[in-house]
N, C-alpha and C. Protein backbone atom coordinates (compact mmCIF):
# COMPACT_ATOMS: atom_id res chain seq x y z
N MET A 1 4.35 42.28 -21.50
CA MET A 1 3.33 41.99 -21.13
C MET A 1 2.78 40.83 -21.22
N LEU A 2 2.14 39.75 -20.51
CA LEU A 2 2.27 38.32 -20.24
C LEU A 2 0.87 38.90 -21.41
N THR A 3 1.01 37.57 -22.62
CA THR A 3 -0.23 37.44 -23.67
C THR A 3 -0.87 36.17 -22.90
N LYS A 4 -0.18 35.42 -22.04
CA LYS A 4 -0.85 33.62 -21.45
C LYS A 4 -1.04 34.00 -20.24
N LYS A 5 -1.78 33.20 -19.49
CA LYS A 5 -2.21 32.87 -17.95
C LYS A 5 -0.98 31.86 -17.60
N VAL A 6 -0.31 32.00 -16.73
CA VAL A 6 0.65 31.57 -15.79
C VAL A 6 0.35 29.93 -15.45
N GLN A 7 1.00 29.30 -16.00
CA GLN A 7 0.75 27.71 -15.66
C GLN A 7 1.79 27.18 -15.36
N ALA A 8 1.30 25.89 -14.60
CA ALA A 8 2.44 25.40 -14.02
C ALA A 8 3.19 24.05 -14.74
N ILE A 9 1.84 23.11 -15.66
CA ILE A 9 2.41 22.52 -16.38
C ILE A 9 2.04 23.59 -17.69
N SER A 10 3.35 22.95 -19.16
CA SER A 10 2.90 23.92 -20.15
C SER A 10 1.34 23.28 -20.96
N GLY A 11 0.73 24.22 -21.09
CA GLY A 11 -0.27 23.82 -21.74
C GLY A 11 -1.95 23.10 -20.95
N VAL A 12 -1.34 23.04 -19.49
CA VAL A 12 -2.45 22.40 -18.63
C VAL A 12 -2.95 23.54 -17.75
N SER A 13 -4.00 23.40 -17.50
CA SER A 13 -4.52 24.52 -16.37
C SER A 13 -6.19 23.70 -15.93
N PRO A 14 -6.25 23.76 -13.88
CA PRO A 14 -7.00 23.24 -13.96
C PRO A 14 -8.46 23.79 -14.30
N GLY A 15 -8.53 25.31 -14.78
CA GLY A 15 -10.07 25.59 -14.93
C GLY A 15 -9.91 25.43 -16.47
N PHE A 16 -9.24 24.77 -17.41
CA PHE A 16 -10.09 24.44 -18.70
C PHE A 16 -9.37 23.07 -19.25
N GLU A 17 -10.32 22.84 -20.28
CA GLU A 17 -10.11 21.59 -20.31
C GLU A 17 -8.60 21.15 -21.43
N SER A 18 -7.80 20.46 -21.46
CA SER A 18 -6.76 20.24 -22.37
C SER A 18 -6.62 18.92 -22.95
N VAL A 19 -6.50 18.64 -24.21
CA VAL A 19 -5.86 16.90 -24.51
C VAL A 19 -4.64 16.15 -23.58
N VAL A 20 -5.24 15.44 -23.72
CA VAL A 20 -3.94 14.81 -23.17
C VAL A 20 -3.27 13.78 -24.33
N GLU A 21 -4.30 13.00 -24.68
CA GLU A 21 -4.27 12.03 -26.19
C GLU A 21 -4.98 11.56 -27.06
N GLU A 22 -4.91 11.55 -27.95
CA GLU A 22 -5.74 11.01 -29.13
C GLU A 22 -5.63 10.28 -30.31
N LEU A 23 -6.53 9.40 -30.05
CA LEU A 23 -6.53 8.36 -31.07
C LEU A 23 -7.45 7.48 -32.14
N TYR A 24 -7.16 7.47 -33.08
CA TYR A 24 -8.15 6.51 -34.24
C TYR A 24 -7.47 4.89 -33.71
N PRO A 25 -9.53 4.20 -34.02
CA PRO A 25 -8.78 2.76 -33.73
C PRO A 25 -8.76 2.39 -34.73
N SER A 26 -8.38 1.17 -34.58
CA SER A 26 -7.95 0.63 -35.67
C SER A 26 -8.96 -0.62 -37.28
N ILE A 27 -8.73 -0.46 -37.53
CA ILE A 27 -9.43 -1.20 -38.57
C ILE A 27 -10.23 -2.46 -38.13
N ALA A 28 -9.03 -2.84 -36.73
CA ALA A 28 -9.53 -3.80 -36.00
C ALA A 28 -10.82 -3.82 -35.21
N CYS A 29 -11.30 -3.10 -35.36
CA CYS A 29 -12.51 -2.18 -34.35
C CYS A 29 -13.95 -3.23 -35.78
N THR A 30 -13.58 -3.67 -36.63
CA THR A 30 -14.54 -3.82 -37.65
C THR A 30 -14.55 -5.30 -37.74
N GLY A 31 -15.65 -5.80 -38.33
CA GLY A 31 -15.59 -7.18 -38.34
C GLY A 31 -14.85 -7.66 -39.95
N ILE A 32 -14.86 -7.18 -40.63
CA ILE A 32 -14.04 -7.72 -41.73
C ILE A 32 -12.42 -7.65 -41.47
N GLY A 33 -11.66 -6.03 -40.39
CA GLY A 33 -11.04 -6.32 -40.00
C GLY A 33 -10.49 -7.39 -38.87
N GLU A 34 -11.22 -8.03 -38.30
CA GLU A 34 -11.61 -9.30 -37.31
C GLU A 34 -11.26 -10.07 -37.74
N LEU A 35 -11.65 -10.53 -39.03
CA LEU A 35 -12.01 -11.47 -40.24
C LEU A 35 -10.22 -11.58 -40.15
N LEU A 36 -10.05 -10.61 -41.32
CA LEU A 36 -8.41 -9.99 -41.40
C LEU A 36 -7.31 -10.65 -41.16
N ASN A 37 -7.80 -10.10 -39.13
CA ASN A 37 -6.73 -10.69 -38.35
C ASN A 37 -6.99 -11.86 -38.06
N ARG A 38 -8.02 -13.12 -37.90
CA ARG A 38 -8.10 -13.85 -38.07
C ARG A 38 -7.59 -15.00 -39.61
N LEU A 39 -7.55 -14.43 -40.37
CA LEU A 39 -6.85 -14.92 -42.03
C LEU A 39 -5.41 -14.88 -41.76
N TYR A 40 -4.73 -14.07 -41.70
CA TYR A 40 -3.01 -13.39 -41.43
C TYR A 40 -2.64 -14.04 -40.32
N GLU A 41 -3.47 -14.67 -39.29
CA GLU A 41 -2.83 -15.67 -38.20
C GLU A 41 -3.08 -16.90 -38.13
N CYS A 42 -3.31 -17.50 -39.14
CA CYS A 42 -4.07 -18.71 -39.34
C CYS A 42 -2.86 -20.11 -39.48
N ILE A 43 -1.84 -19.45 -40.26
CA ILE A 43 -1.11 -20.63 -40.12
C ILE A 43 0.79 -19.83 -39.33
N PRO A 44 0.58 -20.57 -38.26
CA PRO A 44 1.56 -20.24 -37.13
C PRO A 44 3.10 -20.64 -37.49
N ILE A 45 3.59 -20.96 -39.00
CA ILE A 45 4.65 -21.61 -38.97
C ILE A 45 5.27 -19.91 -39.84
N LYS A 46 6.50 -20.16 -39.18
CA LYS A 46 7.33 -18.75 -39.44
C LYS A 46 8.66 -19.06 -40.34
N ILE A 47 8.93 -18.45 -41.27
CA ILE A 47 9.87 -18.61 -41.97
C ILE A 47 10.64 -17.60 -42.08
N TRP A 48 12.20 -17.33 -41.55
CA TRP A 48 12.67 -16.43 -41.13
C TRP A 48 12.05 -15.22 -40.77
N GLY A 49 11.61 -16.00 -39.39
CA GLY A 49 10.83 -14.68 -38.31
C GLY A 49 9.33 -14.28 -38.74
N ILE A 50 8.86 -14.68 -39.82
CA ILE A 50 7.51 -14.04 -41.00
C ILE A 50 6.63 -15.34 -40.55
N LYS A 51 5.62 -14.93 -40.04
CA LYS A 51 4.17 -15.91 -40.32
C LYS A 51 4.26 -16.07 -42.01
N ILE A 52 4.13 -17.47 -42.67
CA ILE A 52 3.80 -17.59 -43.50
C ILE A 52 1.96 -17.18 -44.26
N SER A 53 1.27 -17.06 -42.92
CA SER A 53 -0.01 -16.30 -43.03
C SER A 53 0.10 -15.02 -43.80
N HIS A 54 0.69 -14.54 -43.21
CA HIS A 54 1.12 -12.94 -43.02
C HIS A 54 1.16 -12.11 -44.87
N VAL A 55 1.06 -13.26 -45.94
CA VAL A 55 1.65 -13.16 -47.09
C VAL A 55 0.10 -12.98 -47.82
N PHE A 56 -1.10 -13.13 -46.93
CA PHE A 56 -2.40 -13.12 -47.12
C PHE A 56 -2.34 -11.42 -46.98
N ALA A 57 -1.84 -10.51 -46.10
CA ALA A 57 -2.25 -9.06 -45.89
C ALA A 57 -1.94 -8.39 -47.36
N LEU A 58 -0.93 -8.81 -48.04
CA LEU A 58 -0.36 -8.49 -49.29
C LEU A 58 -0.99 -8.38 -50.37
N LEU A 59 -2.06 -9.59 -50.28
CA LEU A 59 -2.85 -9.71 -51.12
C LEU A 59 -4.66 -8.90 -50.85
N THR A 60 -4.80 -8.65 -49.73
CA THR A 60 -6.19 -8.45 -49.40
C THR A 60 -5.43 -6.69 -48.86
N ALA A 61 -4.57 -6.49 -48.93
CA ALA A 61 -3.81 -4.48 -48.05
C ALA A 61 -4.49 -3.64 -49.02
N PRO A 62 -5.60 -3.88 -50.05
CA PRO A 62 -6.43 -3.02 -51.09
C PRO A 62 -7.95 -2.92 -50.16
N ILE A 63 -8.21 -4.18 -49.67
CA ILE A 63 -9.34 -4.16 -48.26
C ILE A 63 -9.15 -3.20 -47.37
N GLY A 64 -7.99 -3.83 -46.81
CA GLY A 64 -7.74 -3.14 -45.87
C GLY A 64 -7.41 -1.71 -45.91
N VAL A 65 -6.84 -1.16 -46.86
CA VAL A 65 -7.01 0.68 -47.03
C VAL A 65 -7.96 0.91 -47.09
N ALA A 66 -8.97 0.39 -48.10
CA ALA A 66 -10.75 0.76 -47.91
C ALA A 66 -11.09 1.11 -46.70
N ILE A 67 -11.16 0.18 -45.53
CA ILE A 67 -11.90 0.27 -44.75
C ILE A 67 -11.14 1.72 -43.86
N TYR A 68 -9.46 1.55 -43.71
CA TYR A 68 -8.91 2.88 -42.90
C TYR A 68 -9.32 3.95 -43.61
N LEU A 69 -9.14 4.37 -44.91
CA LEU A 69 -10.05 5.11 -45.01
C LEU A 69 -11.14 5.52 -44.61
N LEU A 70 -12.52 4.99 -45.00
CA LEU A 70 -13.86 4.83 -44.22
C LEU A 70 -13.95 5.23 -43.22
N LEU A 71 -12.63 4.28 -41.97
CA LEU A 71 -13.20 4.82 -40.79
C LEU A 71 -12.72 6.50 -40.63
N LYS A 72 -11.73 6.92 -41.58
CA LYS A 72 -10.87 8.13 -41.39
C LYS A 72 -12.53 9.34 -41.61
N VAL A 73 -13.38 9.43 -42.79
CA VAL A 73 -14.30 10.24 -43.09
C VAL A 73 -15.71 9.93 -42.02
N ILE A 74 -15.88 7.85 -41.85
CA ILE A 74 -17.72 8.11 -40.50
C ILE A 74 -17.24 7.67 -39.68
N GLY A 75 -15.98 6.88 -38.98
CA GLY A 75 -15.60 6.52 -37.72
C GLY A 75 -15.59 6.76 -37.14
N THR A 76 -14.89 6.97 -35.48
CA THR A 76 -14.09 7.59 -34.56
C THR A 76 -13.40 7.95 -34.15
N ARG A 77 -12.90 8.68 -33.01
CA ARG A 77 -11.49 8.70 -32.36
C ARG A 77 -12.32 8.78 -30.84
N TYR A 78 -10.90 8.09 -30.07
CA TYR A 78 -10.99 8.39 -28.88
C TYR A 78 -9.84 9.49 -28.03
N THR A 79 -10.67 10.62 -27.92
CA THR A 79 -9.48 11.26 -26.45
C THR A 79 -9.85 11.44 -25.29
N VAL A 80 -8.53 11.81 -24.67
CA VAL A 80 -8.32 11.71 -23.30
C VAL A 80 -8.26 13.00 -22.93
N THR A 81 -8.51 13.87 -21.94
CA THR A 81 -8.83 15.21 -21.83
C THR A 81 -8.25 15.26 -20.02
N ASN A 82 -8.04 16.05 -19.74
CA ASN A 82 -7.53 16.70 -17.98
C ASN A 82 -8.63 16.43 -17.78
N ARG A 83 -10.33 15.94 -18.06
CA ARG A 83 -11.40 15.63 -17.96
C ARG A 83 -12.38 14.45 -17.82
N CYS A 84 -11.77 14.26 -18.91
CA CYS A 84 -12.64 13.46 -19.42
C CYS A 84 -12.47 12.35 -19.95
N VAL A 85 -12.76 11.35 -20.57
CA VAL A 85 -12.85 10.29 -21.87
C VAL A 85 -13.72 10.52 -23.08
N LYS A 86 -13.66 11.06 -24.36
CA LYS A 86 -14.57 11.28 -25.04
C LYS A 86 -14.03 10.18 -26.33
N ARG A 87 -15.75 10.07 -27.21
CA ARG A 87 -15.38 9.45 -28.55
C ARG A 87 -16.32 10.73 -29.08
N VAL A 88 -15.48 10.76 -30.67
CA VAL A 88 -15.51 12.16 -30.83
C VAL A 88 -15.99 11.90 -32.35
N SER A 89 -16.42 11.69 -33.64
CA SER A 89 -16.90 11.77 -35.00
C SER A 89 -15.45 12.29 -35.36
N ALA A 90 -14.42 11.15 -36.60
CA ALA A 90 -13.56 11.84 -36.73
C ALA A 90 -13.11 12.63 -37.48
N LEU A 91 -14.48 12.95 -37.86
CA LEU A 91 -14.16 14.40 -38.84
C LEU A 91 -15.13 15.60 -38.29
N GLY A 92 -14.72 16.53 -37.57
CA GLY A 92 -15.04 17.53 -36.86
C GLY A 92 -15.48 17.57 -35.67
N ILE A 93 -16.34 18.13 -34.68
CA ILE A 93 -16.14 17.95 -33.45
C ILE A 93 -17.27 17.52 -32.62
N ARG A 94 -18.16 16.73 -33.55
CA ARG A 94 -19.35 15.84 -32.81
C ARG A 94 -18.92 14.76 -31.56
N MET A 95 -19.46 15.24 -30.46
CA MET A 95 -19.28 14.19 -29.42
C MET A 95 -20.11 13.40 -29.47
N ILE A 96 -19.81 12.16 -29.54
CA ILE A 96 -20.70 10.80 -29.38
C ILE A 96 -21.20 10.31 -28.25
N GLU A 97 -19.96 10.27 -27.03
CA GLU A 97 -20.10 9.44 -25.35
C GLU A 97 -18.88 9.97 -25.00
N SER A 98 -19.31 10.49 -23.95
CA SER A 98 -18.17 10.90 -22.87
C SER A 98 -18.07 10.82 -21.92
N VAL A 99 -17.40 10.64 -20.68
CA VAL A 99 -17.17 9.54 -19.40
C VAL A 99 -15.89 10.47 -18.64
N PRO A 100 -16.62 11.44 -17.83
CA PRO A 100 -15.78 12.12 -16.65
C PRO A 100 -14.50 11.29 -15.82
N LEU A 101 -13.90 11.84 -16.19
CA LEU A 101 -12.46 11.01 -15.19
C LEU A 101 -13.13 10.23 -13.70
N ALA A 102 -13.78 11.52 -12.78
CA ALA A 102 -13.91 11.28 -11.53
C ALA A 102 -15.26 9.64 -11.92
N GLN A 103 -15.87 9.39 -13.17
CA GLN A 103 -16.44 8.34 -12.45
C GLN A 103 -16.21 7.02 -12.77
N ILE A 104 -14.81 6.97 -13.14
CA ILE A 104 -14.02 6.03 -13.71
C ILE A 104 -13.14 5.12 -12.80
N ALA A 105 -13.72 4.22 -12.43
CA ALA A 105 -12.87 3.94 -11.36
C ALA A 105 -11.94 2.35 -11.61
N ASP A 106 -12.07 1.94 -12.84
CA ASP A 106 -10.56 1.02 -13.14
C ASP A 106 -11.14 0.70 -14.49
N VAL A 107 -9.83 0.76 -15.26
CA VAL A 107 -10.04 0.52 -17.02
C VAL A 107 -8.88 -0.74 -17.33
N SER A 108 -9.72 -1.19 -18.02
CA SER A 108 -9.04 -2.75 -18.41
C SER A 108 -8.89 -2.86 -19.62
N VAL A 109 -8.26 -3.55 -20.22
CA VAL A 109 -8.12 -4.49 -21.63
C VAL A 109 -9.42 -5.68 -21.30
N ASP A 110 -9.56 -5.75 -22.68
CA ASP A 110 -10.39 -7.22 -22.68
C ASP A 110 -9.31 -8.66 -23.24
N PRO A 111 -9.50 -9.52 -22.33
CA PRO A 111 -8.20 -9.99 -22.84
C PRO A 111 -8.74 -10.91 -24.38
N ASP A 112 -9.77 -11.26 -24.81
CA ASP A 112 -10.30 -12.03 -25.57
C ASP A 112 -10.73 -10.48 -26.51
N SER A 113 -10.21 -9.66 -26.60
CA SER A 113 -10.83 -9.24 -27.64
C SER A 113 -9.02 -9.07 -28.35
N ARG A 114 -8.04 -9.36 -28.06
CA ARG A 114 -6.83 -8.89 -28.13
C ARG A 114 -6.30 -9.38 -29.93
N GLN A 115 -6.12 -8.69 -30.71
CA GLN A 115 -5.53 -9.35 -32.12
C GLN A 115 -4.01 -8.58 -32.22
N ALA A 116 -3.49 -10.07 -32.58
CA ALA A 116 -1.86 -10.09 -33.20
C ALA A 116 -1.41 -9.67 -33.52
N PHE A 117 -1.77 -9.74 -35.22
CA PHE A 117 -1.35 -8.50 -36.35
C PHE A 117 -1.99 -7.02 -36.15
N TYR A 118 -2.85 -6.74 -35.89
CA TYR A 118 -3.05 -5.12 -35.46
C TYR A 118 -2.56 -4.95 -34.05
N LYS A 119 -2.09 -5.54 -33.46
CA LYS A 119 -1.86 -5.26 -31.83
C LYS A 119 -2.54 -3.88 -31.48
N THR A 120 -3.98 -4.80 -31.41
CA THR A 120 -4.82 -3.93 -31.00
C THR A 120 -5.99 -4.59 -29.62
N GLY A 121 -6.85 -4.01 -29.31
CA GLY A 121 -7.80 -4.81 -28.12
C GLY A 121 -9.04 -4.01 -28.02
N ASP A 122 -9.83 -4.01 -27.07
CA ASP A 122 -10.73 -3.47 -26.32
C ASP A 122 -10.43 -2.68 -24.54
N VAL A 123 -10.40 -1.48 -25.32
CA VAL A 123 -10.27 -1.10 -23.63
C VAL A 123 -11.78 -0.71 -22.55
N ARG A 124 -12.05 -1.80 -21.75
CA ARG A 124 -12.86 -0.72 -21.07
C ARG A 124 -13.21 0.22 -19.69
N LEU A 125 -13.91 0.72 -19.44
CA LEU A 125 -13.77 1.59 -18.79
C LEU A 125 -15.36 1.27 -17.71
N THR A 126 -15.13 1.33 -16.40
CA THR A 126 -15.93 1.14 -15.27
C THR A 126 -16.22 1.67 -14.23
N ASN A 127 -17.51 1.97 -14.01
CA ASN A 127 -17.49 2.49 -13.06
C ASN A 127 -17.49 2.02 -10.88
N PRO A 128 -17.50 2.39 -10.41
CA PRO A 128 -17.05 2.15 -9.07
C PRO A 128 -18.12 0.50 -8.72
N VAL A 129 -19.35 0.71 -9.00
CA VAL A 129 -20.13 -0.43 -9.38
C VAL A 129 -19.74 -1.45 -9.89
N GLY A 130 -19.11 -1.09 -10.92
CA GLY A 130 -18.37 -2.27 -12.18
C GLY A 130 -19.03 -2.37 -13.21
N ASP A 131 -19.64 -1.36 -13.62
CA ASP A 131 -20.58 -1.46 -14.67
C ASP A 131 -20.22 -0.85 -15.43
N THR A 132 -19.32 -1.40 -17.12
CA THR A 132 -19.30 -0.62 -18.03
C THR A 132 -19.51 0.49 -18.80
N VAL A 133 -18.97 1.55 -18.74
CA VAL A 133 -19.30 3.21 -18.97
C VAL A 133 -19.08 3.46 -20.45
N MET A 134 -18.05 2.80 -20.97
CA MET A 134 -17.67 3.35 -22.03
C MET A 134 -16.78 2.23 -22.46
N LEU A 135 -16.83 1.54 -23.64
CA LEU A 135 -15.81 0.44 -24.51
C LEU A 135 -15.47 1.28 -25.86
N LEU A 136 -14.20 0.86 -25.41
CA LEU A 136 -13.58 1.75 -26.53
C LEU A 136 -12.96 0.49 -27.39
N ARG A 137 -13.37 0.42 -28.79
CA ARG A 137 -12.74 -1.02 -29.42
C ARG A 137 -11.86 -0.97 -30.51
N GLY A 138 -10.78 -1.47 -30.80
CA GLY A 138 -9.99 -1.63 -31.71
C GLY A 138 -8.99 -0.47 -31.10
N VAL A 139 -8.63 -0.11 -30.06
CA VAL A 139 -7.67 0.38 -29.60
C VAL A 139 -6.07 -0.13 -30.15
N PRO A 140 -4.79 0.54 -30.73
CA PRO A 140 -3.40 0.28 -30.98
C PRO A 140 -3.03 0.23 -29.51
N TYR A 141 -2.48 -0.62 -29.26
CA TYR A 141 -1.06 -0.80 -28.25
C TYR A 141 -1.92 -0.91 -27.08
N PRO A 142 -3.54 -1.20 -26.33
CA PRO A 142 -4.27 -0.58 -25.32
C PRO A 142 -3.74 -0.91 -24.11
N ASP A 143 -2.72 -1.30 -23.73
CA ASP A 143 -2.42 -1.57 -22.62
C ASP A 143 -1.57 -0.24 -22.23
N ARG A 144 -1.05 0.61 -23.21
CA ARG A 144 -0.11 1.78 -23.61
C ARG A 144 -1.52 2.82 -23.62
N PHE A 145 -2.64 2.82 -24.14
CA PHE A 145 -3.51 3.70 -23.96
C PHE A 145 -4.27 3.69 -22.09
N ARG A 146 -4.42 2.45 -21.92
CA ARG A 146 -4.81 2.03 -20.40
C ARG A 146 -4.49 2.26 -19.66
N GLN A 147 -3.24 3.00 -19.41
CA GLN A 147 -1.85 3.19 -18.51
C GLN A 147 -2.52 4.94 -18.19
N VAL A 148 -2.26 5.71 -19.76
CA VAL A 148 -2.75 6.88 -19.94
C VAL A 148 -3.87 7.35 -19.56
N ILE A 149 -4.65 6.77 -19.57
CA ILE A 149 -6.30 6.62 -18.49
C ILE A 149 -5.91 6.94 -17.31
N LEU A 150 -5.46 5.71 -16.68
CA LEU A 150 -4.93 5.87 -15.18
C LEU A 150 -4.58 6.74 -14.59
N GLU A 151 -3.15 7.56 -15.91
CA GLU A 151 -2.68 8.65 -14.75
C GLU A 151 -3.12 9.61 -15.07
N THR A 152 -3.60 10.20 -16.10
CA THR A 152 -4.80 11.29 -16.16
C THR A 152 -5.73 11.08 -15.29
N ARG A 153 -6.27 9.94 -15.10
CA ARG A 153 -7.39 9.73 -13.72
C ARG A 153 -6.80 10.31 -12.10
N ASP A 154 -5.77 9.99 -11.94
CA ASP A 154 -5.44 9.61 -10.85
C ASP A 154 -3.92 11.03 -10.53
N ALA A 155 -4.04 11.70 -11.53
CA ALA A 155 -3.78 13.43 -11.22
C ALA A 155 -5.07 14.01 -11.64
N ARG A 156 -5.84 14.03 -11.96
CA ARG A 156 -7.04 14.67 -12.06
C ARG A 156 -7.62 15.30 -10.92
N GLY A 157 -7.79 13.42 -10.01
CA GLY A 157 -8.17 13.56 -8.94
C GLY A 157 -6.76 14.21 -7.62
N GLN A 158 -5.82 14.25 -8.16
CA GLN A 158 -4.85 14.78 -7.05
C GLN A 158 -4.93 16.65 -6.85
N VAL A 159 -5.16 16.54 -7.96
CA VAL A 159 -5.59 18.05 -8.87
C VAL A 159 -6.84 18.89 -7.02
N ALA A 160 -7.96 17.85 -8.12
CA ALA A 160 -9.40 18.14 -6.80
C ALA A 160 -8.76 18.17 -5.74
N ALA A 161 -8.13 17.30 -5.21
CA ALA A 161 -8.02 17.64 -3.62
C ALA A 161 -6.73 18.37 -3.73
N SER A 162 -5.79 19.03 -4.17
CA SER A 162 -5.32 20.02 -3.89
C SER A 162 -6.00 21.27 -4.17
N LEU A 163 -6.86 21.04 -4.62
CA LEU A 163 -7.73 22.70 -5.03
C LEU A 163 -8.78 22.85 -3.71
N ALA A 164 -9.29 21.88 -3.50
CA ALA A 164 -10.26 21.97 -2.03
C ALA A 164 -9.79 22.21 -0.76
N VAL A 165 -7.91 21.58 -0.42
CA VAL A 165 -7.20 22.01 0.24
C VAL A 165 -7.24 23.46 0.17
N ILE A 166 -6.62 24.16 -0.74
CA ILE A 166 -6.68 25.63 -0.94
C ILE A 166 -7.73 26.31 -1.26
N GLN A 167 -9.17 25.82 -1.08
CA GLN A 167 -10.19 26.70 -1.08
C GLN A 167 -9.99 26.89 0.32
N ALA A 168 -10.01 25.37 0.96
CA ALA A 168 -10.54 25.32 2.61
C ALA A 168 -9.73 26.18 3.60
N ARG A 169 -8.00 27.26 3.01
CA ARG A 169 -7.50 27.81 3.32
C ARG A 169 -8.28 29.05 3.12
N LYS A 170 -8.83 29.68 2.56
CA LYS A 170 -9.55 31.01 2.41
C LYS A 170 -10.69 31.28 3.08
C-alpha cells in the first residue's frame, strides 16, 4: 500500500509548495560587515598569495562571530520554493516578505554590492515593469543563487503551461 502520492520528481509536486533552496545572509549584509570588508581589503599587497590586510580578520574575529550569532537569532533567511521567493525570520516561520515566481521578470546581482572578502552581493528581483520587488542583501555566492531563482522560475512557468495544456484536453 502506498503511503505517499506518486511524484515525477521526488519531493516536488505542482500542488504543494516545496523548498528548493534556503540560505542565511552573510554578516556582509550589515553596516559593520561592510566596514570589516573594507578593512580586510584595504591593503592589496599579497605575501604567499594572502593579502596583508587579511591579518585584520584575526584581530576582529570576535566582532564577526558576535554579528554572525546575532543574525542567526534576530536576522532573516532567504527561501526559494517552487512557488515563490521568501524572506523569513531566522528563528521560526514568520514570513517577512514574499514574491511569487510569476511576478519575477529578471534577477540581477548589483555590481556595487559585491564584497570580495565575504564573496557576497545583493540580489535584486524585478517585475516586468522594471520595479524592484525584493532586494536580498548579503547573499553568499550571489551569481549561483541568482541562477537557482531563474531556473526555478522557468521550471514553474513550464509546469504551469503543461498543466494548462493538460486541463484543456479534458
